[in-house]
Structures are given as structure tokens and as C-alpha cells.
Amino acid sequence: MKDNQVFPKNFLWGGAVAANQCEGAWLEDGKQPNITDVMVGINASEAGLKWNEDTQKWEMCLDPDKAYLSHEGIDFYHRYKEDLQLMAGMGFNCFRTSIAWGRIYPNGDETEPNEPGLKFYDNLFDEMIRLGMEPVVTLSHYETPLHLLTEYGGWANKKMIEFWKNYVTTVFNRYKGKVKYWLTFNEVNNLYRRPVVSAGVLSVNPPFDKNDPLKVSPEDTWQSYANILVGNAWTVKIGHEVDPENKIGCMLTSSCVATYPFTCDPKDVWGAYNIQRISNYYFGDPFCLGIIPGYVKRVWREEGVNPELNEDELALIKDYTVDFFSFSYYRSGTFSKDVENAFDTGGIKGKDNPYLKAVSPEPWKWPVDPEGIRYVLNVLYDRYHLPLFIVENGIGLDEHPDENGEIDDAFRKQYVHDHLVQVREALLDGVDIMGYLYWGPIDVVSAGTGEMKKRYGFVFVDRYNDGTGTLERSKKDSYEWFHKVIASNGEDLDI
């Protein structure tokens, strides 16, 4: 095999964003609030919700002293043509974004969809296709309509399955022939640590903490898990029935798959493996293999929960597994029995790995482990034997234009270069990889921290944490470099 044949001819090159982080227009053209509209980043310790004793329900209560930057995002809703032109300028042949559920069904439980919302995505996908980019569309990316959480408790309520089926049936039919690649629930495996945002669930039935909406009971958490498994299976079934050409994939955060034991102490080895299971495989196994793992059932027994799943639903989960596995990877981590192992949007944070030399600059200081992505690709392919799609990989930096208005983001180029070298190695290992989508090719509001300061883009957006800025777009130094990489189909990675 020649070097220039390593990346397949049909390899998908592009970038990824999410509606809630870029669109803005949070209450425009009929849209109603979603769960991320009341959060300042998914790592926030509180949500803009309060318990109303009169109605006995949660209700939106935004803090006037906080900047909810996602409400305006980067105004992608009005500037998408300009932004997609910039993406096309890098040679993208695909682009990933999400449909904001609340634009289609503003409250989530309506019987008829919102036509202005449907039309927006018609226009968006048409523009992508006109520019030669295949739409890759996430159906749920931290954007569950807020009404479904406050009124029903979100995915803890089995009624959500019918609301979801109505939504996905609508968009599958509307965008038939325009969208072929669909992702179901973005990073839904974060359920076990961020159930409100990642899985769209609120505890509404006693006993629960009326002072802390982010505290969800084990019963509600695991019932949400069960209902989401059913919803995912219905998505595959409906998607294939509407259009046999549809490819339906799951999307899991998989940085935690690259959790290494800090020592060869069996307790560290087992702990690292268990992190992989409880952070990834517990969703990957039912989505890809159609089975609910035994270790999940053990947790149910030990926590005294019994999620409702009937025989028909178990059969549905078994029969309608996904067509491919898509994932995010940012960095690896270590597990040590001697420390408290924390998590953030990048993965596990245990002891520092002494064998990793590169660390991203302050304030985030993420360890850089390109070989980790090769490890993840091989582990997932060996486990599921499904095509893999890298739909998020990138690095957030605190960047400012220099006196000439330019940004030399050499660290970003090195990060992407080193990861693509390892993706190439995984291809040579025999892993079936569909594509590489960089997160996010244009600066957007950070999901984890809710700020603009954490910039991932090849394109700079003039907006800041206090909400000021012109929103003007400008190319960083990495823009032309990534264009060269794509033009060579990954053959020319030279920095």
C-alpha cells in the first residue's frame, strides 16, 4: 500500500459544532428554551431553575448577574452562509451540526412541528450541499426542550419515548435525501455524572432535593438510561424505514476509554478497566451489541433500582443496533487507587502521566496524548467491529489576535498533526475509520465552561466572555495548514 492510499478516497474530512453552542437566536422563530439555555456550561454547579411550591414544578429562573453566552452564541443562525463558506474554504467534504429539538417542537410535546424551525434546517442543509459538504446531523446534543424536563422529568418518564419518536420521524421525513449520516444522542454516556444536561432528566417525584435541580435520584437516572436505550433503537428502526440509505450512529465521549492504570497494582488495573466500562461501554454495548451488560445489572441490584423495561423493548434494543460508532477524543487519563479521580469534558483527571510531555497552556492544562486516539480506535473496533467515525477531536486555547490581527496557533497545528499521524497508524492497523471531524473549526461557546475564552477554532470569532465583540470572523494560522492536509487526503501533514 502506498503512503497516499492510507486515508481512503471517500474519507470524510470536516468539522463539528452544536446548535446550542453556535446558533444563538434562542427564542427566535418559535423556539422555546432547552436545558443548556439555563446553564453556564455543563460543568456548572447550578442551573437556572427553581422549585415552585405552588405549581409543584421546576421553572426557569435565570441569574441576571450571569452571562448566558449560548443565548446569542456566535449568531450562526443568521451567519451560517458566511461560516459555511469559511468551512468550504478549508476543503471540508462534510460538516457536523445538531438540530435543536426545540426549533422543531418548541416544548417537545406538541403534535405538529414548527415550520420556521424546519425551514431553517432546510436552508442550512441545502447550503452545505451546495458547497460540497455532506451534512452529519446530531439529533440530540444537550438540547432537550426545557418543558419536557420541568413538566415530565425528561427521560426519566417513559412518555419521552413517544415525544422522541414523533420528533425523529418528522426530521427523517423532512430531510430525506439531504441528510444520510445521523447521530442519536451526543455523549449520552455522561449520564452517570451529568444526568440533567447529558441525558435530559430532572427528578420531579419525591424524594428529591428541591434546592438542587442537578441532583438526580438513582431511580430516575437508571430509568432514563433504559428509556434512552429504547429511544435509540426506535431511531434506528424509523430511520431505516424512512430511508434505507440512512446511516444511524451512536455518539459517545470516548476519552475515558484511554484510561491507563497508573501502576501495575491490580487495583489500578481493575480501576482503569472499570472506568472504561462505567463511562463508555455501558452505553456502547446496548447501542452496538443490543445487550445490557451484567455489570450494569449488578449496579441496579446494589443500588436497589429496577428500571422498567419490558420484553418487547428488550427485543427492540437487540434488533435495532447502530450502523457505526462515532465518538469524541481529547486526551487520556490515569487511574490510581490513591487519589480522587475527577472528570471534565476532556475525560478522567487522575494523577499526571509522567510519560506525556506536552500539556496545553494555562488555564486548562490538558495532557496531550496522540497515541491515545490510536488506542481508542483499536479498542473500540476490536470490541464492536463497526465502522468508527471521529466526530470530535481538538484543543481549546486562550487566544488573542496580535498587533497585526493575526493568530499563530502553532500548538493547535501540532496537536492535530500528531493525532492524525496516529489515526493513520490505526488505519494501517486495519481499523475501519469513516472520517475525522475537528471540534470546533470555528470558535463557539464552550460546552464545558460556557465561555468564549476557550477557543478551538481554525476561525477566530470576535466575541468575549462578557458578551462584547463585533462577531467578526478571521482566519487563524492553522486554517491554511488544515486546508493543505485535506487537499492531500491526509498525505501531507508537514507543519
Protein backbone atom coordinates (compact mmCIF):
# COMPACT_ATOMS: atom_id res chain seq x y z
CA MET A 1 0.00 0.00 0.00
CA LYS A 2 1.37 3.39 -0.99
CA ASP A 3 1.54 6.15 1.61
CA ASN A 4 -1.01 8.27 -0.20
CA GLN A 5 -3.50 5.41 -0.12
CA VAL A 6 -3.68 5.12 3.67
CA PHE A 7 -6.62 7.51 4.07
CA PRO A 8 -9.47 6.10 1.93
CA LYS A 9 -10.63 8.09 -1.08
CA ASN A 10 -14.08 8.52 0.49
CA PHE A 11 -12.68 9.66 3.87
CA LEU A 12 -14.86 12.34 5.46
CA TRP A 13 -12.89 15.48 6.39
CA GLY A 14 -14.59 18.30 8.21
CA GLY A 15 -15.52 19.92 11.48
CA ALA A 16 -18.19 19.73 14.15
CA VAL A 17 -20.29 22.20 16.12
CA ALA A 18 -23.55 22.05 18.09
CA ALA A 19 -26.65 24.19 17.73
CA ASN A 20 -26.67 25.24 21.39
CA GLN A 21 -23.08 26.47 21.19
CA CYS A 22 -23.20 28.43 17.96
CA GLU A 23 -26.71 29.25 16.69
CA GLY A 24 -27.90 31.80 19.24
CA ALA A 25 -31.40 33.10 18.42
CA TRP A 26 -32.51 31.15 21.46
CA LEU A 27 -36.12 32.40 21.40
CA GLU A 28 -36.42 33.25 17.70
CA ASP A 29 -38.91 31.90 15.14
CA GLY A 30 -40.91 29.97 17.70
CA LYS A 31 -38.09 28.23 19.53
CA GLN A 32 -38.51 27.74 23.28
CA PRO A 33 -35.76 27.19 25.89
CA ASN A 34 -33.78 23.98 26.13
CA ILE A 35 -31.80 22.69 29.10
CA THR A 36 -28.50 24.29 28.05
CA ASP A 37 -30.23 27.68 27.83
CA VAL A 38 -30.39 27.72 31.64
CA MET A 39 -26.80 26.55 32.16
CA VAL A 40 -23.48 28.38 32.06
CA GLY A 41 -21.55 25.39 30.77
CA ILE A 42 -22.30 21.76 31.52
CA ASN A 43 -19.65 21.79 34.26
CA ALA A 44 -21.68 24.42 36.14
CA SER A 45 -22.52 23.60 39.74
CA GLU A 46 -26.01 25.04 39.44
CA ALA A 47 -28.77 25.57 36.90
CA GLY A 48 -31.14 28.48 36.32
CA LEU A 49 -34.07 26.53 37.75
CA LYS A 50 -36.07 26.85 40.95
CA TRP A 51 -38.82 24.79 42.54
CA ASN A 52 -42.24 26.42 42.58
CA GLU A 53 -44.18 25.26 45.63
CA ASP A 54 -47.48 26.48 44.17
CA THR A 55 -47.24 24.57 40.91
CA GLN A 56 -45.04 21.81 42.35
CA LYS A 57 -42.78 22.06 39.32
CA TRP A 58 -39.34 23.33 38.34
CA GLU A 59 -39.32 26.60 36.43
CA MET A 60 -36.72 28.72 34.64
CA CYS A 61 -35.05 31.31 36.86
CA LEU A 62 -32.08 32.91 35.12
CA ASP A 63 -29.49 34.79 37.17
CA PRO A 64 -29.30 38.41 35.95
CA ASP A 65 -25.66 38.57 37.03
CA LYS A 66 -24.58 35.71 34.78
CA ALA A 67 -23.73 35.81 31.09
CA TYR A 68 -25.60 33.07 29.24
CA LEU A 69 -23.44 33.30 26.14
CA SER A 70 -25.24 30.45 24.41
CA HIS A 71 -28.34 32.65 24.04
CA GLU A 72 -26.55 34.54 21.26
CA GLY A 73 -23.78 32.03 20.55
CA ILE A 74 -21.79 33.26 17.57
CA ASP A 75 -25.02 34.13 15.72
CA PHE A 76 -24.62 31.16 13.40
CA TYR A 77 -28.41 31.22 12.97
CA HIS A 78 -28.09 34.40 10.89
CA ARG A 79 -24.49 34.00 9.65
CA TYR A 80 -24.42 30.35 8.62
CA LYS A 81 -23.80 31.13 4.95
CA GLU A 82 -20.68 33.11 5.79
CA ASP A 83 -19.49 30.44 8.21
CA LEU A 84 -20.11 27.53 5.86
CA GLN A 85 -18.20 29.38 3.16
CA LEU A 86 -15.25 29.52 5.54
CA MET A 87 -15.58 25.79 6.18
CA ALA A 88 -15.70 25.08 2.45
CA GLY A 89 -12.54 27.17 2.10
CA MET A 90 -10.68 24.51 4.08
CA GLY A 91 -11.91 21.85 1.68
CA PHE A 92 -14.43 20.23 4.04
CA ASN A 93 -16.46 17.49 2.39
CA CYS A 94 -18.73 17.17 5.43
CA PHE A 95 -19.88 19.29 8.35
CA ARG A 96 -21.45 18.19 11.61
CA THR A 97 -24.05 20.16 13.49
CA SER A 98 -27.16 19.38 15.52
CA ILE A 99 -30.84 20.05 15.14
CA ALA A 100 -32.15 21.97 18.13
CA TRP A 101 -35.17 19.86 19.09
CA GLY A 102 -36.91 23.00 20.40
CA ARG A 103 -36.86 24.61 16.95
CA ILE A 104 -38.88 21.69 15.58
CA TYR A 105 -41.14 21.05 18.58
CA PRO A 106 -40.71 24.11 20.84
CA ASN A 107 -42.00 22.44 24.00
CA GLY A 108 -41.33 18.92 22.81
CA ASP A 109 -44.82 17.53 23.35
CA GLU A 110 -46.71 19.23 20.51
CA THR A 111 -48.36 17.13 17.82
CA GLU A 112 -47.49 19.49 14.95
CA PRO A 113 -43.98 20.80 14.20
CA ASN A 114 -42.85 24.41 13.98
CA GLU A 115 -42.46 25.24 10.27
CA PRO A 116 -39.94 28.12 10.68
CA GLY A 117 -37.62 25.75 12.54
CA LEU A 118 -37.94 23.08 9.87
CA LYS A 119 -37.29 25.67 7.18
CA PHE A 120 -34.12 26.92 8.87
CA TYR A 121 -32.55 23.47 8.71
CA ASP A 122 -33.77 23.02 5.14
CA ASN A 123 -31.83 26.14 4.23
CA LEU A 124 -28.81 25.13 6.31
CA PHE A 125 -28.51 21.66 4.79
CA ASP A 126 -29.14 22.99 1.29
CA GLU A 127 -26.24 25.42 1.73
CA MET A 128 -23.94 22.67 2.98
CA ILE A 129 -24.80 20.50 -0.02
CA ARG A 130 -24.34 23.42 -2.41
CA LEU A 131 -20.83 23.90 -1.04
CA GLY A 132 -19.99 20.21 -1.41
CA MET A 133 -20.35 19.24 2.26
CA GLU A 134 -22.21 16.15 3.43
CA PRO A 135 -24.39 17.04 6.46
CA VAL A 136 -23.65 14.97 9.57
CA VAL A 137 -26.52 15.67 11.95
CA THR A 138 -26.85 15.04 15.67
CA LEU A 139 -30.46 14.59 16.76
CA SER A 140 -29.87 15.45 20.42
CA HIS A 141 -26.82 17.47 21.50
CA TYR A 142 -27.57 18.68 25.06
CA GLU A 143 -30.71 20.38 23.67
CA THR A 144 -33.71 18.65 25.24
CA PRO A 145 -36.61 21.14 25.35
CA LEU A 146 -36.80 22.52 28.88
CA HIS A 147 -40.55 21.95 29.06
CA LEU A 148 -40.04 18.20 28.75
CA LEU A 149 -37.82 18.27 31.85
CA THR A 150 -39.93 20.58 34.01
CA GLU A 151 -43.28 19.04 33.03
CA TYR A 152 -42.38 15.35 32.77
CA GLY A 153 -38.96 14.89 34.34
CA GLY A 154 -37.38 14.36 30.94
CA TRP A 155 -36.08 10.92 30.03
CA ALA A 156 -36.98 9.51 33.44
CA ASN A 157 -40.55 9.47 32.09
CA LYS A 158 -41.49 6.79 29.54
CA LYS A 159 -43.67 9.35 27.74
CA MET A 160 -40.42 10.77 26.39
CA ILE A 161 -40.08 7.81 24.06
CA GLU A 162 -43.22 8.83 22.12
CA PHE A 163 -42.20 12.50 22.06
CA TRP A 164 -38.80 11.45 20.70
CA LYS A 165 -40.30 9.13 18.07
CA ASN A 166 -42.50 11.98 16.86
CA TYR A 167 -39.51 14.31 16.58
CA VAL A 168 -37.18 11.91 14.77
CA THR A 169 -39.93 10.74 12.40
CA THR A 170 -40.56 14.37 11.45
CA VAL A 171 -36.94 15.22 10.71
CA PHE A 172 -36.17 11.93 8.96
CA ASN A 173 -39.05 12.55 6.57
CA ARG A 174 -38.37 16.25 6.12
CA TYR A 175 -34.68 15.87 5.31
CA LYS A 176 -34.84 12.60 3.38
CA GLY A 177 -32.37 12.79 0.51
CA LYS A 178 -30.46 15.66 2.14
CA VAL A 179 -29.06 14.02 5.26
CA LYS A 180 -27.66 10.49 5.26
CA TYR A 181 -25.45 10.46 8.36
CA TRP A 182 -27.31 10.76 11.67
CA LEU A 183 -26.04 10.62 15.26
CA THR A 184 -28.56 9.89 18.01
CA PHE A 185 -27.58 11.21 21.47
CA ASN A 186 -24.38 13.23 21.81
CA GLU A 187 -22.05 11.97 24.57
CA VAL A 188 -25.03 10.47 26.37
CA ASN A 189 -22.63 8.26 28.35
CA ASN A 190 -22.05 11.35 30.51
CA LEU A 191 -25.38 10.36 32.09
CA TYR A 192 -23.69 8.89 35.15
CA ARG A 193 -22.11 12.22 36.11
CA ARG A 194 -24.17 14.93 34.38
CA PRO A 195 -27.68 13.48 34.02
CA VAL A 196 -29.55 16.78 33.70
CA VAL A 197 -27.66 18.11 30.68
CA SER A 198 -26.27 14.98 29.07
CA ALA A 199 -29.43 12.90 29.28
CA GLY A 200 -32.16 15.49 29.80
CA VAL A 201 -33.54 14.29 33.13
CA LEU A 202 -34.85 16.09 36.22
CA SER A 203 -36.15 14.47 39.38
CA VAL A 204 -39.76 15.59 39.79
CA ASN A 205 -41.14 12.88 42.07
CA PRO A 206 -40.37 12.76 45.82
CA PRO A 207 -37.99 12.19 47.39
CA PHE A 208 -35.63 14.69 45.76
CA ASP A 209 -33.75 17.86 46.66
CA LYS A 210 -35.87 20.90 45.83
CA ASN A 211 -32.82 23.13 46.33
CA ASP A 212 -30.64 21.29 43.84
CA PRO A 213 -32.10 20.54 40.40
CA LEU A 214 -28.82 18.94 39.32
CA LYS A 215 -29.17 16.18 41.91
CA VAL A 216 -30.98 13.28 40.28
CA SER A 217 -32.01 10.12 42.10
CA PRO A 218 -30.55 6.74 41.08
CA GLU A 219 -34.05 5.58 40.17
CA ASP A 220 -34.56 8.46 37.75
CA THR A 221 -31.03 8.17 36.37
CA TRP A 222 -31.33 4.49 35.53
CA GLN A 223 -34.88 4.76 34.21
CA SER A 224 -33.55 7.47 31.89
CA TYR A 225 -30.85 5.04 30.78
CA ALA A 226 -33.44 2.39 29.97
CA ASN A 227 -35.70 4.82 28.12
CA ILE A 228 -32.81 6.22 26.08
CA LEU A 229 -31.81 2.71 25.01
CA VAL A 230 -35.34 2.20 23.73
CA GLY A 231 -35.36 5.63 22.09
CA ASN A 232 -32.08 4.86 20.34
CA ALA A 233 -33.42 1.58 18.97
CA TRP A 234 -36.57 3.29 17.71
CA THR A 235 -34.36 5.87 15.98
CA VAL A 236 -32.51 3.16 14.07
CA LYS A 237 -35.77 1.41 13.14
CA ILE A 238 -37.58 4.56 12.00
CA GLY A 239 -34.51 5.97 10.24
CA HIS A 240 -34.06 2.84 8.14
CA GLU A 241 -37.76 2.58 7.36
CA VAL A 242 -37.96 6.20 6.17
CA ASP A 243 -34.83 5.91 4.05
CA PRO A 244 -32.80 2.69 3.70
CA GLU A 245 -29.84 4.89 2.72
CA ASN A 246 -29.72 6.44 6.20
CA LYS A 247 -26.72 5.59 8.36
CA ILE A 248 -27.55 5.88 12.06
CA GLY A 249 -24.72 6.04 14.59
CA CYS A 250 -24.33 6.46 18.32
CA MET A 251 -22.05 9.20 19.68
CA LEU A 252 -20.13 8.63 22.91
CA THR A 253 -17.39 10.56 24.62
CA SER A 254 -14.51 8.08 24.46
CA SER A 255 -11.58 9.89 26.02
CA CYS A 256 -12.16 7.72 29.09
CA VAL A 257 -11.51 4.58 27.02
CA ALA A 258 -7.89 5.76 27.15
CA THR A 259 -7.75 5.47 30.94
CA TYR A 260 -4.46 3.88 31.88
CA PRO A 261 -3.65 2.18 35.21
CA PHE A 262 -1.15 4.41 36.98
CA THR A 263 0.74 1.35 38.21
CA CYS A 264 0.59 -2.40 37.62
CA ASP A 265 -1.12 -2.80 41.00
CA PRO A 266 -4.15 -4.97 40.17
CA LYS A 267 -6.35 -2.43 41.92
CA ASP A 268 -5.18 0.27 39.49
CA VAL A 269 -5.57 -2.08 36.52
CA TRP A 270 -9.08 -3.06 37.54
CA GLY A 271 -9.98 0.52 38.38
CA ALA A 272 -8.88 1.73 34.94
CA TYR A 273 -10.88 -1.02 33.23
CA ASN A 274 -13.93 -0.28 35.33
CA ILE A 275 -13.73 3.41 34.35
CA GLN A 276 -13.87 2.31 30.71
CA ARG A 277 -16.97 0.24 31.41
CA ILE A 278 -18.93 2.70 33.53
CA SER A 279 -18.02 5.67 31.36
CA ASN A 280 -18.38 4.18 27.88
CA TYR A 281 -19.23 0.53 27.34
CA TYR A 282 -22.40 0.62 29.42
CA PHE A 283 -23.96 2.58 26.56
CA GLY A 284 -21.79 1.22 23.75
CA ASP A 285 -22.73 -2.40 24.44
CA PRO A 286 -26.51 -1.95 24.14
CA PHE A 287 -26.20 0.52 21.24
CA CYS A 288 -23.81 -1.69 19.24
CA LEU A 289 -24.39 -5.22 20.53
CA GLY A 290 -28.00 -4.99 21.70
CA ILE A 291 -27.22 -6.22 25.20
CA ILE A 292 -27.42 -4.68 28.66
CA PRO A 293 -24.16 -5.69 30.38
CA GLY A 294 -24.11 -7.78 33.52
CA TYR A 295 -22.12 -5.17 35.44
CA VAL A 296 -24.95 -2.67 34.84
CA LYS A 297 -27.44 -5.13 36.28
CA ARG A 298 -25.14 -5.57 39.27
CA VAL A 299 -25.25 -1.82 39.87
CA TRP A 300 -29.06 -1.98 39.69
CA ARG A 301 -29.11 -4.72 42.33
CA GLU A 302 -26.67 -2.94 44.61
CA GLU A 303 -28.45 0.41 44.31
CA GLY A 304 -31.86 -1.18 44.72
CA VAL A 305 -33.28 0.11 41.43
CA ASN A 306 -35.39 -1.75 38.91
CA PRO A 307 -35.79 0.21 35.68
CA GLU A 308 -38.89 -0.63 33.70
CA LEU A 309 -38.02 -2.49 30.50
CA ASN A 310 -40.49 -4.94 29.02
CA GLU A 311 -39.72 -7.89 26.75
CA ASP A 312 -40.74 -6.03 23.59
CA GLU A 313 -38.38 -3.17 24.46
CA LEU A 314 -35.50 -5.55 25.16
CA ALA A 315 -36.14 -7.20 21.79
CA LEU A 316 -36.17 -3.81 20.09
CA ILE A 317 -32.80 -2.93 21.65
CA LYS A 318 -31.41 -6.27 20.45
CA ASP A 319 -32.76 -5.99 16.91
CA TYR A 320 -32.00 -2.35 16.10
CA THR A 321 -28.37 -1.60 16.79
CA VAL A 322 -26.44 1.27 15.23
CA ASP A 323 -24.68 1.27 11.86
CA PHE A 324 -21.50 2.93 13.11
CA PHE A 325 -19.86 4.19 16.29
CA SER A 326 -18.92 7.87 16.44
CA PHE A 327 -17.00 9.39 19.29
CA SER A 328 -15.07 12.29 20.77
CA TYR A 329 -11.46 12.03 21.94
CA TYR A 330 -9.46 14.84 23.51
CA ARG A 331 -6.96 13.37 25.95
CA SER A 332 -6.15 10.30 28.02
CA GLY A 333 -6.08 9.93 31.79
CA THR A 334 -4.78 7.66 34.51
CA PHE A 335 -6.47 5.78 37.31
CA SER A 336 -4.84 5.49 40.70
CA LYS A 337 -6.43 3.95 43.77
CA ASP A 338 -4.60 6.58 45.84
CA VAL A 339 -6.33 9.72 44.51
CA GLU A 340 -9.79 11.06 43.88
CA ASN A 341 -10.42 10.61 40.17
CA ALA A 342 -12.32 13.58 38.77
CA PHE A 343 -13.87 14.17 35.35
CA ASP A 344 -14.36 17.07 32.99
CA THR A 345 -15.34 17.44 29.34
CA GLY A 346 -11.96 16.04 28.26
CA GLY A 347 -12.04 12.84 30.30
CA ILE A 348 -10.74 11.50 33.58
CA LYS A 349 -8.32 13.52 35.72
CA GLY A 350 -6.22 11.30 37.96
CA LYS A 351 -2.50 11.52 38.60
CA ASP A 352 -0.41 13.25 35.96
CA ASN A 353 1.01 10.81 33.43
CA PRO A 354 4.82 11.22 33.65
CA TYR A 355 5.29 9.82 30.14
CA LEU A 356 3.31 12.59 28.45
CA LYS A 357 5.48 15.64 27.83
CA ALA A 358 3.10 18.06 26.09
CA VAL A 359 0.42 19.89 28.07
CA SER A 360 -1.91 22.56 26.73
CA PRO A 361 -1.28 26.07 28.07
CA GLU A 362 -3.00 27.64 31.08
CA PRO A 363 -5.65 27.60 32.33
CA TRP A 364 -6.82 24.15 31.19
CA LYS A 365 -3.50 22.27 31.03
CA TRP A 366 -4.81 19.19 29.25
CA PRO A 367 -2.22 16.45 28.75
CA VAL A 368 -1.69 15.76 25.06
CA ASP A 369 -1.69 12.07 24.16
CA PRO A 370 -1.95 11.46 20.39
CA GLU A 371 -1.27 7.72 20.79
CA GLY A 372 -4.38 7.63 22.94
CA ILE A 373 -6.58 8.10 19.88
CA ARG A 374 -4.94 5.11 18.17
CA TYR A 375 -5.53 3.09 21.34
CA VAL A 376 -9.20 4.13 21.48
CA LEU A 377 -9.74 3.35 17.79
CA ASN A 378 -8.28 -0.12 18.16
CA VAL A 379 -10.10 -0.94 21.40
CA LEU A 380 -13.49 0.16 20.05
CA TYR A 381 -13.03 -1.60 16.72
CA ASP A 382 -11.92 -4.83 18.39
CA ARG A 383 -14.96 -4.68 20.68
CA TYR A 384 -17.71 -3.69 18.24
CA HIS A 385 -16.43 -4.43 14.71
CA LEU A 386 -18.32 -1.43 13.38
CA PRO A 387 -17.07 1.50 11.27
CA LEU A 388 -15.73 4.24 13.56
CA PHE A 389 -16.20 7.96 13.00
CA ILE A 390 -14.05 10.52 14.84
CA VAL A 391 -16.54 13.37 15.19
CA GLU A 392 -14.73 15.43 17.84
CA ASN A 393 -11.02 15.97 18.40
CA GLY A 394 -9.46 19.32 19.13
CA ILE A 395 -7.78 21.63 21.59
CA GLY A 396 -9.11 24.73 23.36
CA LEU A 397 -6.69 27.64 23.76
CA ASP A 398 -6.90 31.15 25.18
CA GLU A 399 -6.04 33.18 22.06
CA HIS A 400 -5.90 36.83 21.08
CA PRO A 401 -5.02 38.48 17.76
CA ASP A 402 -1.62 40.14 17.69
CA GLU A 403 -0.95 43.75 16.63
CA ASN A 404 -1.47 42.68 13.01
CA GLY A 405 -4.76 40.97 13.77
CA GLU A 406 -3.27 37.51 13.30
CA ILE A 407 -3.23 34.39 15.48
CA ASP A 408 -0.31 31.98 15.22
CA ASP A 409 -1.80 28.83 16.76
CA ALA A 410 1.21 26.56 16.39
CA PHE A 411 0.13 24.45 19.37
CA ARG A 412 -3.14 23.59 17.62
CA LYS A 413 -1.39 22.58 14.40
CA GLN A 414 0.98 20.33 16.33
CA TYR A 415 -1.93 18.77 18.27
CA VAL A 416 -3.91 17.96 15.11
CA HIS A 417 -0.81 16.81 13.23
CA ASP A 418 0.18 14.39 15.97
CA HIS A 419 -3.33 12.97 16.28
CA LEU A 420 -3.70 12.48 12.54
CA VAL A 421 -0.39 10.62 12.48
CA GLN A 422 -1.94 8.19 14.96
CA VAL A 423 -5.21 7.99 13.02
CA ARG A 424 -3.08 6.96 10.04
CA GLU A 425 -1.46 4.27 12.19
CA ALA A 426 -4.90 2.98 13.20
CA LEU A 427 -5.89 2.76 9.54
CA LEU A 428 -2.76 0.70 8.92
CA ASP A 429 -3.77 -1.45 11.91
CA GLY A 430 -6.90 -2.33 9.92
CA VAL A 431 -9.40 -0.14 11.75
CA ASP A 432 -12.35 0.94 9.59
CA ILE A 433 -12.44 4.73 10.07
CA MET A 434 -15.07 6.80 8.26
CA GLY A 435 -13.69 10.26 8.84
CA TYR A 436 -12.14 12.93 11.04
CA LEU A 437 -14.14 15.95 12.18
CA TYR A 438 -12.28 18.59 14.14
CA TRP A 439 -14.04 20.22 17.10
CA GLY A 440 -14.84 23.05 16.56
CA PRO A 441 -13.49 24.58 13.37
CA ILE A 442 -14.88 28.00 14.28
CA ASP A 443 -14.80 29.44 17.81
CA VAL A 444 -18.03 28.64 19.65
CA VAL A 445 -19.28 28.90 23.23
CA SER A 446 -17.56 26.19 25.26
CA ALA A 447 -19.87 23.39 26.32
CA GLY A 448 -17.90 22.64 29.45
CA THR A 449 -17.30 26.14 30.80
CA GLY A 450 -19.90 28.26 28.98
CA GLU A 451 -17.33 30.81 27.86
CA MET A 452 -15.76 32.13 24.66
CA LYS A 453 -12.27 32.23 26.16
CA LYS A 454 -11.75 28.54 25.45
CA ARG A 455 -11.25 28.69 21.68
CA TYR A 456 -10.92 25.64 19.46
CA GLY A 457 -11.38 27.15 16.00
CA PHE A 458 -9.33 27.49 12.87
CA VAL A 459 -11.51 30.62 12.56
CA PHE A 460 -11.47 33.31 15.26
CA VAL A 461 -14.76 34.93 16.31
CA ASP A 462 -14.55 38.36 17.93
CA ARG A 463 -16.70 37.66 20.99
CA TYR A 464 -15.68 37.57 24.63
CA ASN A 465 -16.77 36.20 27.98
CA ASP A 466 -18.63 39.38 28.92
CA GLY A 467 -20.70 39.17 25.73
CA THR A 468 -18.93 42.02 23.94
CA GLY A 469 -17.36 41.82 20.50
CA THR A 470 -18.10 42.51 16.86
CA LEU A 471 -18.65 38.83 15.92
CA GLU A 472 -16.25 39.40 13.02
CA ARG A 473 -14.66 36.21 11.69
CA SER A 474 -10.96 35.90 10.81
CA LYS A 475 -8.69 33.00 9.86
CA LYS A 476 -6.04 31.72 12.24
CA ASP A 477 -2.70 30.43 11.00
CA SER A 478 -3.96 26.83 11.24
CA TYR A 479 -6.68 27.48 8.64
CA GLU A 480 -4.48 27.16 5.57
CA TRP A 481 -2.50 24.30 7.11
CA PHE A 482 -5.65 22.20 7.64
CA HIS A 483 -6.74 23.05 4.10
CA LYS A 484 -3.45 21.56 2.87
CA VAL A 485 -3.99 18.41 4.93
CA ILE A 486 -7.46 17.86 3.45
CA ALA A 487 -6.36 18.69 -0.09
CA SER A 488 -3.76 15.91 0.17
CA ASN A 489 -6.29 13.50 1.77
CA GLY A 490 -4.06 13.29 4.81
CA GLU A 491 -0.86 12.59 2.87
CA ASP A 492 0.76 15.96 3.57
CA LEU A 493 0.82 16.53 7.33
CA ASP A 494 4.02 18.56 7.27
CA ILE A 495 3.97 21.57 9.59
